[in-house]
Amino acid sequence: MNAFEIILAIGVGVGLAAACGFRVFVPFFVTGVAIRSGYTPTGLESIAGLDWLSSDVALIVLGVATTAEVLAFYVPWFDNLMDSIATPAAGVAGTVMMMGVLDGAPEPIQWGVGLLMGGGTSLGVQATTVLTRGASTVATAGLGNPIVATTENVGSTVLAVLAVLIGPIVIVAVIALLFWFVRKLARWRRRGRDEALVAASVAEDLDASGDDPLPAETEGELPLSEITPPKAMEATRRRGVIRRRMSRPLRNKGVVGLRAKPGG
């Protein structure tokens, strides 16, 4: 491989390694199907180091493994267990992918880039997905995890297809997806922090008032004007008719804003 082909191959490898960070087997299966169909990344004559993925046995095994992996992440709570298995596997898979596309390059480049950029990229993406799923589990009690799993499935498939078809351009998609995941994670963490601050503010108000909170069995919506604000907040919070929200302009001042939601 000449220098230009090595650069192109690294771009392809980064895309495939990132796809491994989302799902371990999906990029292997996609690459095997692409090679079997005669597709090669733009600018590269072949990816001979991954030709073994196109055999009948490999495609059958990878097809079964891909299906099982994709479905496993839709099982509540089991998906978090899968993350503990997928994290080391993603590092190995990313390294194998990078070294496969660099087949023919000098061995120091093949091993060095394979370990650092291949394994590093896949582990970085995998760490982001683990944090995102953990935040989703805390914020939604696991109900939002299927959405995260679907996003990961689509991301892995799209990245693998783009890496095989258009090569280095996929790096842009990798950066965009990582940026989206980081923003999503930051939003979930900020929402959890706001709810904790609201709860702390309500507890402080109740302690300061010295009044006992209203009983949980209170029926109907309470007119806020007829009871003390701490009691109103506690009663409506228990019945889920208060939407707890901290306004952005007041957040830095430590002031918590609450907005009542009609109905109950």
Protein backbone atom coordinates (compact mmCIF):
# COMPACT_ATOMS: atom_id res chain seq x y z
CA MET A 1 0.00 0.00 0.00
CA ASN A 2 1.24 3.50 -0.82
CA ALA A 3 0.83 6.49 1.49
CA PHE A 4 -2.41 7.66 -0.15
CA GLU A 5 -4.01 4.22 0.14
CA ILE A 6 -2.95 4.00 3.79
CA ILE A 7 -4.69 7.31 4.52
CA LEU A 8 -7.84 6.13 2.75
CA ALA A 9 -7.71 2.80 4.56
CA ILE A 10 -7.41 4.55 7.92
CA GLY A 11 -10.52 6.57 7.10
CA VAL A 12 -12.43 3.39 6.26
CA GLY A 13 -11.10 1.71 9.40
CA VAL A 14 -12.21 4.60 11.62
CA GLY A 15 -15.73 4.31 10.23
CA LEU A 16 -15.89 0.56 10.74
CA ALA A 17 -14.34 0.83 14.21
CA ALA A 18 -16.89 3.46 15.22
CA ALA A 19 -19.65 1.16 13.96
CA CYS A 20 -18.22 -1.57 16.21
CA GLY A 21 -18.60 0.83 19.13
CA PHE A 22 -22.36 0.84 18.56
CA ARG A 23 -22.75 -2.85 17.73
CA VAL A 24 -19.95 -5.41 17.59
CA PHE A 25 -21.27 -7.74 14.89
CA VAL A 26 -23.23 -5.39 12.62
CA PRO A 27 -20.19 -3.89 10.82
CA PHE A 28 -18.65 -7.34 10.35
CA PHE A 29 -21.83 -8.62 8.74
CA VAL A 30 -22.28 -5.50 6.58
CA THR A 31 -18.65 -5.67 5.43
CA GLY A 32 -18.95 -9.39 4.63
CA VAL A 33 -22.07 -8.80 2.53
CA ALA A 34 -20.41 -5.86 0.75
CA ILE A 35 -17.29 -7.87 -0.12
CA ARG A 36 -19.43 -10.79 -1.26
CA SER A 37 -21.37 -8.39 -3.52
CA GLY A 38 -18.20 -6.87 -4.97
CA TYR A 39 -18.32 -3.45 -3.29
CA THR A 40 -15.07 -1.85 -2.13
CA PRO A 41 -14.41 1.52 -0.44
CA THR A 42 -13.83 4.46 -2.75
CA GLY A 43 -10.13 4.79 -3.61
CA LEU A 44 -9.19 1.28 -2.50
CA GLU A 45 -8.90 -1.68 -4.83
CA SER A 46 -9.94 -4.10 -2.09
CA ILE A 47 -9.93 -4.77 1.63
CA ALA A 48 -8.22 -8.13 1.34
CA GLY A 49 -7.61 -8.38 5.07
CA LEU A 50 -11.35 -8.80 5.60
CA ASP A 51 -12.08 -11.18 2.72
CA TRP A 52 -12.70 -13.98 5.20
CA LEU A 53 -15.93 -12.25 6.22
CA SER A 54 -17.49 -13.05 2.84
CA SER A 55 -17.39 -16.85 3.17
CA ASP A 56 -20.65 -18.77 3.51
CA VAL A 57 -19.88 -19.94 7.04
CA ALA A 58 -18.83 -16.47 8.17
CA LEU A 59 -21.95 -14.81 6.77
CA ILE A 60 -24.26 -17.36 8.42
CA VAL A 61 -22.53 -17.07 11.80
CA LEU A 62 -22.36 -13.28 11.62
CA GLY A 63 -26.00 -13.06 10.53
CA VAL A 64 -27.14 -15.06 13.55
CA ALA A 65 -24.84 -13.17 15.91
CA THR A 66 -25.97 -9.79 14.55
CA THR A 67 -29.65 -10.66 14.97
CA ALA A 68 -29.11 -11.88 18.53
CA GLU A 69 -27.08 -8.79 19.47
CA VAL A 70 -29.60 -6.35 18.03
CA LEU A 71 -32.56 -8.01 19.78
CA ALA A 72 -30.72 -8.38 23.11
CA PHE A 73 -30.48 -4.61 23.57
CA TYR A 74 -34.29 -4.33 23.49
CA VAL A 75 -34.66 -6.48 26.62
CA PRO A 76 -35.13 -4.17 29.67
CA TRP A 77 -32.20 -4.16 32.11
CA PHE A 78 -30.51 -6.95 30.14
CA ASP A 79 -29.17 -4.26 27.84
CA ASN A 80 -27.07 -2.84 30.68
CA LEU A 81 -25.59 -6.30 31.27
CA MET A 82 -24.82 -6.54 27.56
CA ASP A 83 -22.83 -3.32 27.81
CA SER A 84 -20.40 -4.96 30.23
CA ILE A 85 -19.75 -7.67 27.62
CA ALA A 86 -19.81 -5.41 24.57
CA THR A 87 -17.27 -2.90 25.91
CA PRO A 88 -14.16 -5.14 25.74
CA ALA A 89 -15.51 -6.87 22.63
CA ALA A 90 -15.89 -3.51 20.89
CA GLY A 91 -12.22 -2.70 21.51
CA VAL A 92 -11.12 -6.00 19.98
CA ALA A 93 -13.54 -5.65 17.06
CA GLY A 94 -12.38 -2.12 16.25
CA THR A 95 -8.76 -3.24 16.26
CA VAL A 96 -9.50 -6.21 13.98
CA MET A 97 -11.40 -3.97 11.56
CA MET A 98 -8.64 -1.37 11.36
CA MET A 99 -5.92 -3.98 10.92
CA GLY A 100 -7.99 -5.73 8.27
CA VAL A 101 -8.36 -2.65 6.07
CA LEU A 102 -4.64 -1.88 6.57
CA ASP A 103 -3.63 -5.30 5.26
CA GLY A 104 -0.57 -4.71 3.10
CA ALA A 105 0.66 -1.69 5.08
CA PRO A 106 3.93 -1.92 7.06
CA GLU A 107 3.38 -3.93 10.24
CA PRO A 108 4.27 -1.08 12.65
CA ILE A 109 1.57 1.06 11.03
CA GLN A 110 -0.89 -1.82 10.90
CA TRP A 111 -0.49 -2.72 14.57
CA GLY A 112 -0.01 0.80 15.91
CA VAL A 113 -2.93 2.37 14.05
CA GLY A 114 -5.04 -0.73 14.61
CA LEU A 115 -4.63 -0.60 18.38
CA LEU A 116 -4.70 3.16 18.86
CA MET A 117 -7.20 4.39 16.28
CA GLY A 118 -9.17 1.20 15.72
CA GLY A 119 -9.55 0.05 19.30
CA GLY A 120 -9.53 3.62 20.65
CA THR A 121 -12.34 4.80 18.35
CA SER A 122 -14.59 1.82 19.07
CA LEU A 123 -14.02 2.09 22.83
CA GLY A 124 -14.73 5.82 22.74
CA VAL A 125 -18.03 5.31 20.93
CA GLN A 126 -18.93 2.39 23.20
CA ALA A 127 -18.24 4.47 26.32
CA THR A 128 -20.57 7.18 25.00
CA THR A 129 -23.36 4.66 24.41
CA VAL A 130 -22.91 3.18 27.89
CA LEU A 131 -23.21 6.61 29.50
CA THR A 132 -26.21 7.46 27.33
CA ARG A 133 -28.01 4.23 28.21
CA GLY A 134 -27.20 4.71 31.89
CA ALA A 135 -28.62 8.23 31.83
CA SER A 136 -31.71 6.95 30.02
CA THR A 137 -32.16 4.19 32.60
CA VAL A 138 -32.04 6.71 35.45
CA ALA A 139 -34.20 9.35 33.76
CA THR A 140 -36.88 7.04 32.31
CA ALA A 141 -36.58 3.91 34.50
CA GLY A 142 -35.45 2.04 31.38
CA LEU A 143 -38.50 2.96 29.29
CA GLY A 144 -36.41 5.14 26.98
CA ASN A 145 -33.72 2.51 26.43
CA PRO A 146 -35.35 0.98 23.32
CA ILE A 147 -35.04 4.38 21.64
CA VAL A 148 -31.34 4.45 22.52
CA ALA A 149 -30.95 0.88 21.21
CA THR A 150 -32.68 1.76 17.93
CA THR A 151 -30.42 4.78 17.48
CA GLU A 152 -27.36 2.61 18.08
CA ASN A 153 -28.56 -0.05 15.62
CA VAL A 154 -29.18 2.53 12.91
CA GLY A 155 -25.90 4.31 13.67
CA SER A 156 -23.87 1.11 13.43
CA THR A 157 -25.50 0.05 10.16
CA VAL A 158 -25.25 3.47 8.53
CA LEU A 159 -21.62 3.97 9.55
CA ALA A 160 -20.64 0.51 8.29
CA VAL A 161 -22.39 1.04 4.95
CA LEU A 162 -20.89 4.52 4.50
CA ALA A 163 -17.43 3.26 5.42
CA VAL A 164 -17.57 0.54 2.78
CA LEU A 165 -19.14 2.66 0.04
CA ILE A 166 -17.61 6.13 0.44
CA GLY A 167 -14.67 5.55 2.74
CA PRO A 168 -13.06 8.48 4.59
CA ILE A 169 -16.11 10.75 4.29
CA VAL A 170 -17.64 8.63 7.05
CA ILE A 171 -15.38 10.38 9.57
CA VAL A 172 -17.71 13.39 9.33
CA ALA A 173 -20.64 11.15 10.24
CA VAL A 174 -18.68 9.75 13.20
CA ILE A 175 -18.00 13.22 14.57
CA ALA A 176 -21.63 14.28 14.06
CA LEU A 177 -22.99 11.21 15.85
CA LEU A 178 -20.61 11.61 18.78
CA PHE A 179 -21.61 15.27 19.10
CA TRP A 180 -25.30 14.28 19.10
CA PHE A 181 -24.77 11.63 21.77
CA VAL A 182 -22.79 13.99 24.00
CA ARG A 183 -25.51 16.65 23.75
CA LYS A 184 -28.20 14.08 24.51
CA LEU A 185 -26.28 12.82 27.53
CA ALA A 186 -25.71 16.36 28.81
CA ARG A 187 -29.44 17.10 28.50
CA TRP A 188 -30.40 14.01 30.49
CA ARG A 189 -27.85 14.76 33.19
CA ARG A 190 -29.01 18.39 33.41
CA ARG A 191 -32.63 17.30 33.76
CA GLY A 192 -31.71 14.91 36.58
CA ARG A 193 -29.77 17.66 38.37
CA ASP A 194 -32.68 20.09 38.06
CA GLU A 195 -35.12 17.58 39.55
CA ALA A 196 -32.74 16.96 42.45
CA LEU A 197 -32.47 20.70 43.10
CA VAL A 198 -36.24 21.09 42.99
CA ALA A 199 -36.70 18.24 45.48
CA ALA A 200 -34.12 19.81 47.78
CA SER A 201 -35.88 23.17 47.53
CA VAL A 202 -39.25 21.63 48.41
CA ALA A 203 -37.72 19.83 51.40
CA GLU A 204 -36.16 23.07 52.65
CA ASP A 205 -39.49 24.91 52.35
CA LEU A 206 -41.27 22.16 54.29
CA ASP A 207 -38.66 22.22 57.04
CA ALA A 208 -38.80 26.00 57.27
CA SER A 209 -42.60 26.11 57.51
CA GLY A 210 -42.78 23.62 60.37
CA ASP A 211 -46.06 22.28 58.97
CA ASP A 212 -46.80 18.64 58.37
CA PRO A 213 -47.27 17.74 54.69
CA LEU A 214 -50.78 16.91 53.57
CA PRO A 215 -51.71 13.20 53.62
CA ALA A 216 -51.07 11.23 50.45
CA GLU A 217 -54.70 10.12 50.24
CA THR A 218 -55.98 13.67 49.67
CA GLU A 219 -58.37 13.57 46.70
CA GLY A 220 -58.97 16.20 44.06
CA GLU A 221 -56.82 19.14 43.06
CA LEU A 222 -56.03 21.50 45.91
CA PRO A 223 -56.55 25.24 45.40
CA LEU A 224 -53.10 26.65 45.93
CA SER A 225 -54.51 29.88 47.36
CA GLU A 226 -56.13 28.13 50.34
CA ILE A 227 -53.10 26.35 51.76
CA THR A 228 -49.52 27.27 52.43
CA PRO A 229 -47.16 27.08 49.43
CA PRO A 230 -45.00 24.30 50.93
CA LYS A 231 -48.06 22.10 51.50
CA ALA A 232 -49.39 22.82 48.03
CA MET A 233 -46.13 21.89 46.41
CA GLU A 234 -45.83 18.68 48.41
CA ALA A 235 -49.42 17.57 47.77
CA THR A 236 -49.37 18.26 44.06
CA ARG A 237 -45.93 16.72 43.70
CA ARG A 238 -47.21 13.48 45.20
CA ARG A 239 -50.09 13.33 42.74
CA GLY A 240 -47.93 14.16 39.76
CA VAL A 241 -49.70 17.42 38.78
CA ILE A 242 -46.64 19.65 39.17
CA ARG A 243 -44.18 19.80 36.33
CA ARG A 244 -40.90 20.44 38.02
CA ARG A 245 -38.73 22.74 36.06
CA MET A 246 -35.90 25.11 36.74
CA SER A 247 -35.94 28.15 34.50
CA ARG A 248 -32.66 28.72 32.70
CA PRO A 249 -32.25 32.45 33.58
CA LEU A 250 -32.70 31.72 37.28
CA ARG A 251 -30.60 28.55 37.37
CA ASN A 252 -27.34 30.38 37.98
CA LYS A 253 -28.94 32.31 40.84
CA GLY A 254 -30.02 29.13 42.59
CA VAL A 255 -33.73 29.98 42.25
CA VAL A 256 -36.08 27.12 41.45
CA GLY A 257 -39.19 27.75 39.38
CA LEU A 258 -42.24 25.49 39.54
CA ARG A 259 -45.07 25.48 37.05
CA ALA A 260 -48.43 23.91 37.80
CA LYS A 261 -49.89 21.54 35.27
CA PRO A 262 -53.71 21.55 35.03
CA GLY A 263 -55.62 18.37 35.69
CA GLY A 264 -54.86 15.65 38.20
